[in-house]
Amino acid sequence: MTEDTKNAYTSNKKSDTVPSPAQEVKLQFMGDSYDRLKEFPKSATVNLGIALRCVQDGKQPPDSKAVPGLGRSGVYELRDEDESGWYRVIYLKKVRDVIYVLHCFKKTTNQIEKQDIRTIQQRLSQVEELERKEARIAKERDRCRPHHHRKHS
């Protein structure tokens, strides 16, 4: 935008909410979470897929809540059910431009099974390690970039 056009446009709230391709938020499925999601009944897979799309678009998904007791904030579950059970997708809210799908499973009781909690915690650790590596790589990249000095006239 040039100096002349700075105030030429009014804000259009509808178009302001549409993400540009450069802002695309990716989903990264950890472990076997994608395969597990695909094993859910078609209706649950479709509903949870729509909910994940909402998360990618920065919108509130239809049935989501924080997962307590993990020692970390930002972990949420998407919920769906049918006559045969309750289906859950556990994800870590956006880190940079990635939403990490940590675990997908079918629940048979009100509680999340201990094994599922262990899986979520293990995958959270993997994500944290990935993020540390990314940060190191970015730091190295910045350190190795040539610094351009401007001449003062």
C-alpha atoms as a PDB file:
ATOM      1  CA  MET A   1       0.000   0.000   0.000  1.00  0.00           C
ATOM      2  CA  THR A   2       1.392   3.394  -0.925  1.00  0.00           C
ATOM      3  CA  GLU A   3       1.158   6.587   1.089  1.00  0.00           C
ATOM      4  CA  ASP A   4      -1.607   7.813  -1.259  1.00  0.00           C
ATOM      5  CA  THR A   5      -3.862   4.788  -0.704  1.00  0.00           C
ATOM      6  CA  LYS A   6      -3.383   4.339   3.033  1.00  0.00           C
ATOM      7  CA  ASN A   7      -6.969   5.378   3.870  1.00  0.00           C
ATOM      8  CA  ALA A   8      -8.634   4.626   0.553  1.00  0.00           C
ATOM      9  CA  TYR A   9     -10.380   1.441   1.679  1.00  0.00           C
ATOM     10  CA  THR A  10     -12.939   0.883   4.362  1.00  0.00           C
ATOM     11  CA  SER A  11     -12.762  -2.190   6.523  1.00  0.00           C
ATOM     12  CA  ASN A  12     -14.868  -5.085   5.294  1.00  0.00           C
ATOM     13  CA  LYS A  13     -15.305  -7.336   8.306  1.00  0.00           C
ATOM     14  CA  LYS A  14     -16.370 -10.348   6.238  1.00  0.00           C
ATOM     15  CA  SER A  15     -13.304 -10.324   3.986  1.00  0.00           C
ATOM     16  CA  ASP A  16     -11.064  -9.534   6.964  1.00  0.00           C
ATOM     17  CA  THR A  17     -11.869 -12.946   8.449  1.00  0.00           C
ATOM     18  CA  VAL A  18     -10.924 -14.974   5.376  1.00  0.00           C
ATOM     19  CA  PRO A  19      -7.347 -16.217   5.795  1.00  0.00           C
ATOM     20  CA  SER A  20      -5.027 -15.685   2.877  1.00  0.00           C
ATOM     21  CA  PRO A  21      -3.053 -18.704   1.644  1.00  0.00           C
ATOM     22  CA  ALA A  22       0.060 -17.263   3.322  1.00  0.00           C
ATOM     23  CA  GLN A  23      -1.705 -17.536   6.686  1.00  0.00           C
ATOM     24  CA  GLU A  24      -2.705 -21.179   6.238  1.00  0.00           C
ATOM     25  CA  VAL A  25      -2.505 -23.051   9.510  1.00  0.00           C
ATOM     26  CA  LYS A  26      -1.307 -26.616   9.047  1.00  0.00           C
ATOM     27  CA  LEU A  27      -2.418 -29.700  10.929  1.00  0.00           C
ATOM     28  CA  GLN A  28       0.301 -32.063  12.068  1.00  0.00           C
ATOM     29  CA  PHE A  29      -0.901 -35.450  13.257  1.00  0.00           C
ATOM     30  CA  MET A  30       1.367 -36.971  15.885  1.00  0.00           C
ATOM     31  CA  GLY A  31       1.939 -40.726  16.104  1.00  0.00           C
ATOM     32  CA  ASP A  32      -0.967 -42.806  14.826  1.00  0.00           C
ATOM     33  CA  SER A  33      -3.594 -40.092  15.453  1.00  0.00           C
ATOM     34  CA  TYR A  34      -4.515 -39.718  11.764  1.00  0.00           C
ATOM     35  CA  ASP A  35      -4.980 -43.472  11.314  1.00  0.00           C
ATOM     36  CA  ARG A  36      -7.069 -43.646  14.492  1.00  0.00           C
ATOM     37  CA  LEU A  37      -9.271 -40.757  13.301  1.00  0.00           C
ATOM     38  CA  LYS A  38      -9.882 -42.563  10.009  1.00  0.00           C
ATOM     39  CA  GLU A  39     -11.105 -45.629  11.963  1.00  0.00           C
ATOM     40  CA  PHE A  40     -13.957 -43.643  13.544  1.00  0.00           C
ATOM     41  CA  PRO A  41     -17.450 -43.990  12.036  1.00  0.00           C
ATOM     42  CA  LYS A  42     -17.938 -41.760   9.001  1.00  0.00           C
ATOM     43  CA  SER A  43     -20.258 -39.321  10.809  1.00  0.00           C
ATOM     44  CA  ALA A  44     -17.733 -38.792  13.634  1.00  0.00           C
ATOM     45  CA  THR A  45     -14.859 -38.403  11.172  1.00  0.00           C
ATOM     46  CA  VAL A  46     -16.794 -35.792   9.179  1.00  0.00           C
ATOM     47  CA  ASN A  47     -17.927 -33.862  12.276  1.00  0.00           C
ATOM     48  CA  LEU A  48     -14.469 -33.885  13.857  1.00  0.00           C
ATOM     49  CA  GLY A  49     -12.905 -32.921  10.521  1.00  0.00           C
ATOM     50  CA  ILE A  50     -15.210 -29.901  10.339  1.00  0.00           C
ATOM     51  CA  ALA A  51     -14.269 -29.021  13.926  1.00  0.00           C
ATOM     52  CA  LEU A  52     -10.541 -29.222  13.075  1.00  0.00           C
ATOM     53  CA  ARG A  53     -11.169 -26.919  10.099  1.00  0.00           C
ATOM     54  CA  CYS A  54     -12.785 -24.422  12.490  1.00  0.00           C
ATOM     55  CA  VAL A  55      -9.677 -24.561  14.681  1.00  0.00           C
ATOM     56  CA  GLN A  56      -7.469 -24.008  11.610  1.00  0.00           C
ATOM     57  CA  ASP A  57      -9.584 -21.000  10.639  1.00  0.00           C
ATOM     58  CA  GLY A  58      -9.277 -19.520  14.133  1.00  0.00           C
ATOM     59  CA  LYS A  59     -12.953 -20.102  14.927  1.00  0.00           C
ATOM     60  CA  GLN A  60     -14.528 -21.768  17.951  1.00  0.00           C
ATOM     61  CA  PRO A  61     -15.336 -25.411  17.080  1.00  0.00           C
ATOM     62  CA  PRO A  62     -18.814 -26.738  17.924  1.00  0.00           C
ATOM     63  CA  ASP A  63     -17.902 -29.019  20.853  1.00  0.00           C
ATOM     64  CA  SER A  64     -14.509 -28.364  22.387  1.00  0.00           C
ATOM     65  CA  LYS A  65     -13.095 -27.970  25.877  1.00  0.00           C
ATOM     66  CA  ALA A  66      -9.712 -27.721  27.569  1.00  0.00           C
ATOM     67  CA  VAL A  67      -8.140 -30.960  28.776  1.00  0.00           C
ATOM     68  CA  PRO A  68      -7.206 -30.495  32.445  1.00  0.00           C
ATOM     69  CA  GLY A  69      -4.485 -32.249  34.397  1.00  0.00           C
ATOM     70  CA  LEU A  70      -1.744 -32.267  31.763  1.00  0.00           C
ATOM     71  CA  GLY A  71       0.394 -29.588  33.347  1.00  0.00           C
ATOM     72  CA  ARG A  72       0.141 -27.527  30.193  1.00  0.00           C
ATOM     73  CA  SER A  73      -2.440 -25.100  28.871  1.00  0.00           C
ATOM     74  CA  GLY A  74      -3.543 -24.977  25.258  1.00  0.00           C
ATOM     75  CA  VAL A  75      -4.525 -28.654  24.976  1.00  0.00           C
ATOM     76  CA  TYR A  76      -8.139 -29.153  23.926  1.00  0.00           C
ATOM     77  CA  GLU A  77     -10.451 -31.980  23.008  1.00  0.00           C
ATOM     78  CA  LEU A  78     -12.953 -32.047  20.179  1.00  0.00           C
ATOM     79  CA  ARG A  79     -15.921 -34.251  20.968  1.00  0.00           C
ATOM     80  CA  ASP A  80     -18.414 -36.265  18.981  1.00  0.00           C
ATOM     81  CA  GLU A  81     -20.562 -39.283  19.768  1.00  0.00           C
ATOM     82  CA  ASP A  82     -22.926 -41.795  18.292  1.00  0.00           C
ATOM     83  CA  GLU A  83     -24.812 -44.783  19.676  1.00  0.00           C
ATOM     84  CA  SER A  84     -21.605 -46.848  19.894  1.00  0.00           C
ATOM     85  CA  GLY A  85     -19.391 -44.425  21.825  1.00  0.00           C
ATOM     86  CA  TRP A  86     -17.699 -41.082  22.402  1.00  0.00           C
ATOM     87  CA  TYR A  87     -14.973 -39.956  20.006  1.00  0.00           C
ATOM     88  CA  ARG A  88     -12.220 -37.543  20.940  1.00  0.00           C
ATOM     89  CA  VAL A  89      -9.549 -35.610  19.076  1.00  0.00           C
ATOM     90  CA  ILE A  90      -6.956 -34.046  21.375  1.00  0.00           C
ATOM     91  CA  TYR A  91      -4.994 -31.141  19.935  1.00  0.00           C
ATOM     92  CA  LEU A  92      -2.512 -28.488  20.957  1.00  0.00           C
ATOM     93  CA  LYS A  93      -3.608 -24.993  19.986  1.00  0.00           C
ATOM     94  CA  LYS A  94      -1.643 -23.257  17.285  1.00  0.00           C
ATOM     95  CA  VAL A  95       2.117 -23.049  17.745  1.00  0.00           C
ATOM     96  CA  ARG A  96       3.359 -20.652  15.080  1.00  0.00           C
ATOM     97  CA  ASP A  97       1.374 -21.887  12.060  1.00  0.00           C
ATOM     98  CA  VAL A  98       0.798 -25.494  13.170  1.00  0.00           C
ATOM     99  CA  ILE A  99      -1.969 -27.185  15.146  1.00  0.00           C
ATOM    100  CA  TYR A 100      -0.716 -30.469  16.550  1.00  0.00           C
ATOM    101  CA  VAL A 101      -3.249 -33.302  16.693  1.00  0.00           C
ATOM    102  CA  LEU A 102      -1.884 -35.265  19.622  1.00  0.00           C
ATOM    103  CA  HIS A 103      -4.271 -38.206  19.938  1.00  0.00           C
ATOM    104  CA  CYS A 104      -7.576 -39.583  18.649  1.00  0.00           C
ATOM    105  CA  PHE A 105      -9.484 -42.230  20.549  1.00  0.00           C
ATOM    106  CA  LYS A 106     -12.866 -43.671  21.461  1.00  0.00           C
ATOM    107  CA  LYS A 107     -14.003 -43.241  25.048  1.00  0.00           C
ATOM    108  CA  THR A 108     -16.184 -45.735  26.885  1.00  0.00           C
ATOM    109  CA  THR A 109     -16.334 -43.957  30.287  1.00  0.00           C
ATOM    110  CA  ASN A 110     -16.592 -40.370  31.502  1.00  0.00           C
ATOM    111  CA  GLN A 111     -12.872 -40.304  32.296  1.00  0.00           C
ATOM    112  CA  ILE A 112      -9.997 -40.261  29.832  1.00  0.00           C
ATOM    113  CA  GLU A 113      -8.168 -43.561  30.329  1.00  0.00           C
ATOM    114  CA  LYS A 114      -4.707 -43.371  31.935  1.00  0.00           C
ATOM    115  CA  GLN A 115      -3.123 -44.914  28.833  1.00  0.00           C
ATOM    116  CA  ASP A 116      -4.653 -42.154  26.678  1.00  0.00           C
ATOM    117  CA  ILE A 117      -3.330 -39.501  29.099  1.00  0.00           C
ATOM    118  CA  ARG A 118       0.158 -41.070  28.863  1.00  0.00           C
ATOM    119  CA  THR A 119      -0.059 -41.024  25.056  1.00  0.00           C
ATOM    120  CA  ILE A 120      -1.089 -37.345  25.090  1.00  0.00           C
ATOM    121  CA  GLN A 121       1.763 -36.436  27.477  1.00  0.00           C
ATOM    122  CA  GLN A 122       4.293 -38.376  25.406  1.00  0.00           C
ATOM    123  CA  ARG A 123       3.217 -36.612  22.224  1.00  0.00           C
ATOM    124  CA  LEU A 124       3.261 -33.240  23.963  1.00  0.00           C
ATOM    125  CA  SER A 125       6.900 -33.946  24.835  1.00  0.00           C
ATOM    126  CA  GLN A 126       7.578 -34.790  21.179  1.00  0.00           C
ATOM    127  CA  VAL A 127       5.990 -31.508  20.080  1.00  0.00           C
ATOM    128  CA  GLU A 128       8.054 -29.559  22.609  1.00  0.00           C
ATOM    129  CA  GLU A 129      11.211 -31.232  21.274  1.00  0.00           C
ATOM    130  CA  LEU A 130      10.178 -30.413  17.676  1.00  0.00           C
ATOM    131  CA  GLU A 131       9.619 -26.791  18.685  1.00  0.00           C
ATOM    132  CA  ARG A 132      13.034 -26.594  20.398  1.00  0.00           C
ATOM    133  CA  LYS A 133      14.671 -27.947  17.222  1.00  0.00           C
ATOM    134  CA  GLU A 134      12.750 -25.435  15.076  1.00  0.00           C
ATOM    135  CA  ALA A 135      13.854 -22.594  17.341  1.00  0.00           C
ATOM    136  CA  ARG A 136      17.510 -23.732  17.134  1.00  0.00           C
ATOM    137  CA  ILE A 137      17.312 -23.958  13.338  1.00  0.00           C
ATOM    138  CA  ALA A 138      15.734 -20.500  13.098  1.00  0.00           C
ATOM    139  CA  LYS A 139      18.419 -19.066  15.399  1.00  0.00           C
ATOM    140  CA  GLU A 140      21.180 -20.643  13.279  1.00  0.00           C
ATOM    141  CA  ARG A 141      19.568 -19.334  10.096  1.00  0.00           C
ATOM    142  CA  ASP A 142      19.409 -15.814  11.529  1.00  0.00           C
ATOM    143  CA  ARG A 143      23.010 -16.019  12.748  1.00  0.00           C
ATOM    144  CA  CYS A 144      24.282 -17.159   9.348  1.00  0.00           C
ATOM    145  CA  ARG A 145      22.418 -14.504   7.356  1.00  0.00           C
ATOM    146  CA  PRO A 146      24.642 -11.758   6.001  1.00  0.00           C
ATOM    147  CA  HIS A 147      24.000  -8.437   7.674  1.00  0.00           C
ATOM    148  CA  HIS A 148      23.459  -5.611   5.219  1.00  0.00           C
ATOM    149  CA  HIS A 149      24.797  -2.258   6.262  1.00  0.00           C
ATOM    150  CA  ARG A 150      23.380   0.886   4.780  1.00  0.00           C
ATOM    151  CA  LYS A 151      25.675   3.687   3.757  1.00  0.00           C
ATOM    152  CA  HIS A 152      24.820   7.008   5.262  1.00  0.00           C
ATOM    153  CA  SER A 153      24.998   9.898   2.832  1.00  0.00           C
END
